[in-house]
Amino acid sequence: MRILIAALAVLAVLVLWDAAWWLLKGVRPLSPWGLRRALRRETPPTVLDVRTPAEYRLFHIPDAINLPYPFTDEDLTATLDNREQPVVVVCMTGHRSPPAVQQLQRNGFGDVKNLTWGMSAWKLAGGETLSEE
């Protein structure tokens, strides 16, 4: 029973974390299943992976671009040049990516979302990954 209560408490914290960023800061969440559907579209979103290079090499979403957070506005502009292209920002657990989403929004990117619970959720949901190790 204690394990169930602990698991529900962790889940509640995770849900509240995403809800707070969305409702208070305008960071729209995207579930792993939503990203999977979006990646199958004719024009898929750009996946911006803001984890460290070592984390990225360990495993990442195919075709994701690695730009570790924090990054400068100049690095962002040099990495992503199409502000009209939808972007999904990814980190390991969904805690580094919301501030990165805000930085993209401040730089004129209009359609930016945060992968809910990050690469952890992507892997748990069976999302495809590549490894460079």
Protein backbone atom coordinates (compact mmCIF):
# COMPACT_ATOMS: atom_id res chain seq x y z
CA MET A 1 0.00 0.00 0.00
CA ARG A 2 2.87 2.38 0.81
CA ILE A 3 4.41 1.77 -2.59
CA LEU A 4 1.12 2.62 -4.31
CA ILE A 5 0.78 5.82 -2.29
CA ALA A 6 4.38 6.79 -3.07
CA ALA A 7 3.89 6.09 -6.77
CA LEU A 8 0.71 8.17 -6.85
CA ALA A 9 2.47 11.00 -5.02
CA VAL A 10 5.32 11.01 -7.56
CA LEU A 11 2.83 10.94 -10.43
CA ALA A 12 0.92 13.85 -8.90
CA VAL A 13 4.11 15.90 -8.57
CA LEU A 14 5.02 15.21 -12.20
CA VAL A 15 1.56 16.18 -13.44
CA LEU A 16 1.55 19.34 -11.33
CA TRP A 17 5.02 20.25 -12.62
CA ASP A 18 3.85 20.15 -16.25
CA ALA A 19 0.55 21.86 -15.44
CA ALA A 20 2.31 24.69 -13.61
CA TRP A 21 4.71 25.36 -16.48
CA TRP A 22 1.82 25.30 -18.95
CA LEU A 23 -0.68 27.38 -17.00
CA LEU A 24 1.73 29.84 -15.39
CA LYS A 25 4.48 30.16 -18.01
CA GLY A 26 2.87 29.13 -21.32
CA VAL A 27 5.05 26.06 -21.88
CA ARG A 28 2.82 23.64 -23.76
CA PRO A 29 3.37 19.95 -23.02
CA LEU A 30 3.44 17.18 -25.61
CA SER A 31 3.11 13.54 -24.58
CA PRO A 32 5.46 10.89 -25.93
CA TRP A 33 2.52 9.47 -27.92
CA GLY A 34 1.79 12.91 -29.34
CA LEU A 35 5.41 13.30 -30.39
CA ARG A 36 5.38 9.87 -32.00
CA ARG A 37 2.34 10.92 -34.10
CA ALA A 38 3.93 14.28 -34.95
CA LEU A 39 7.14 12.63 -36.13
CA ARG A 40 5.13 10.56 -38.64
CA ARG A 41 3.69 13.67 -40.33
CA GLU A 42 4.83 14.82 -43.74
CA THR A 43 6.55 17.79 -42.07
CA PRO A 44 7.61 16.59 -38.62
CA PRO A 45 8.69 18.99 -35.88
CA THR A 46 12.32 19.65 -35.14
CA VAL A 47 13.36 17.81 -31.98
CA LEU A 48 15.77 19.91 -29.93
CA ASP A 49 17.55 17.82 -27.31
CA VAL A 50 18.90 20.09 -24.56
CA ARG A 51 20.75 17.39 -22.62
CA THR A 52 24.52 17.22 -22.32
CA PRO A 53 26.49 15.78 -25.24
CA ALA A 54 27.24 12.65 -23.16
CA GLU A 55 23.54 12.09 -22.45
CA TYR A 56 22.74 12.65 -26.11
CA ARG A 57 25.36 10.13 -27.26
CA LEU A 58 23.99 7.55 -24.83
CA PHE A 59 20.58 7.65 -26.54
CA HIS A 60 18.49 10.19 -28.43
CA ILE A 61 15.50 10.48 -30.72
CA PRO A 62 16.51 9.95 -34.38
CA ASP A 63 17.26 13.25 -36.17
CA ALA A 64 17.20 15.21 -32.90
CA ILE A 65 19.52 18.22 -32.72
CA ASN A 66 21.67 18.49 -29.59
CA LEU A 67 22.01 21.97 -28.09
CA PRO A 68 22.83 21.68 -24.38
CA TYR A 69 20.96 24.00 -22.04
CA PRO A 70 21.76 26.62 -20.97
CA PHE A 71 22.61 28.04 -24.37
CA THR A 72 23.04 31.56 -25.69
CA ASP A 73 20.59 33.24 -28.03
CA GLU A 74 23.39 33.27 -30.61
CA ASP A 75 23.87 29.49 -30.31
CA LEU A 76 20.12 29.03 -30.67
CA THR A 77 19.96 31.18 -33.80
CA ALA A 78 22.95 29.35 -35.30
CA THR A 79 21.31 25.98 -34.60
CA LEU A 80 17.69 26.67 -35.58
CA ASP A 81 17.06 29.13 -38.38
CA ASN A 82 13.37 28.52 -39.18
CA ARG A 83 11.17 30.18 -36.57
CA GLU A 84 8.04 28.87 -38.35
CA GLN A 85 9.03 25.20 -37.96
CA PRO A 86 7.38 23.46 -34.98
CA VAL A 87 9.93 22.51 -32.30
CA VAL A 88 9.71 19.96 -29.51
CA VAL A 89 12.25 20.46 -26.73
CA VAL A 90 13.52 17.36 -24.94
CA CYS A 91 15.63 16.77 -21.83
CA MET A 92 16.00 13.70 -19.63
CA THR A 93 13.07 14.17 -17.22
CA GLY A 94 11.26 17.32 -18.35
CA HIS A 95 12.96 19.71 -15.93
CA ARG A 96 15.61 21.40 -18.12
CA SER A 97 13.43 21.75 -21.17
CA PRO A 98 10.72 24.19 -19.92
CA PRO A 99 13.18 27.10 -19.48
CA ALA A 100 14.63 26.23 -22.91
CA VAL A 101 11.11 26.41 -24.39
CA GLN A 102 10.72 29.87 -22.89
CA GLN A 103 14.03 30.98 -24.42
CA LEU A 104 12.87 29.78 -27.84
CA GLN A 105 9.58 31.65 -27.39
CA ARG A 106 11.47 34.85 -26.45
CA ASN A 107 13.49 34.41 -29.65
CA GLY A 108 10.41 34.36 -31.88
CA PHE A 109 9.72 30.62 -32.19
CA GLY A 110 5.94 30.35 -32.17
CA ASP A 111 5.17 26.63 -32.13
CA VAL A 112 7.30 25.18 -29.33
CA LYS A 113 6.35 22.32 -27.02
CA ASN A 114 7.98 20.45 -24.16
CA LEU A 115 8.16 16.65 -24.24
CA THR A 116 6.32 15.61 -21.09
CA TRP A 117 8.71 13.90 -18.66
CA GLY A 118 11.46 13.94 -21.26
CA MET A 119 13.48 11.06 -22.60
CA SER A 120 12.57 8.96 -19.57
CA ALA A 121 8.94 8.92 -20.68
CA TRP A 122 9.94 8.54 -24.35
CA LYS A 123 11.88 5.36 -23.54
CA LEU A 124 9.15 4.01 -21.23
CA ALA A 125 6.58 4.59 -23.99
CA GLY A 126 8.69 2.58 -26.43
CA GLY A 127 9.92 5.54 -28.46
CA GLU A 128 12.69 4.86 -30.97
CA THR A 129 16.19 5.94 -29.98
CA LEU A 130 19.67 5.86 -31.44
CA SER A 131 22.94 5.48 -29.58
CA GLU A 132 26.38 6.75 -30.52
CA GLU A 133 28.18 4.70 -27.85
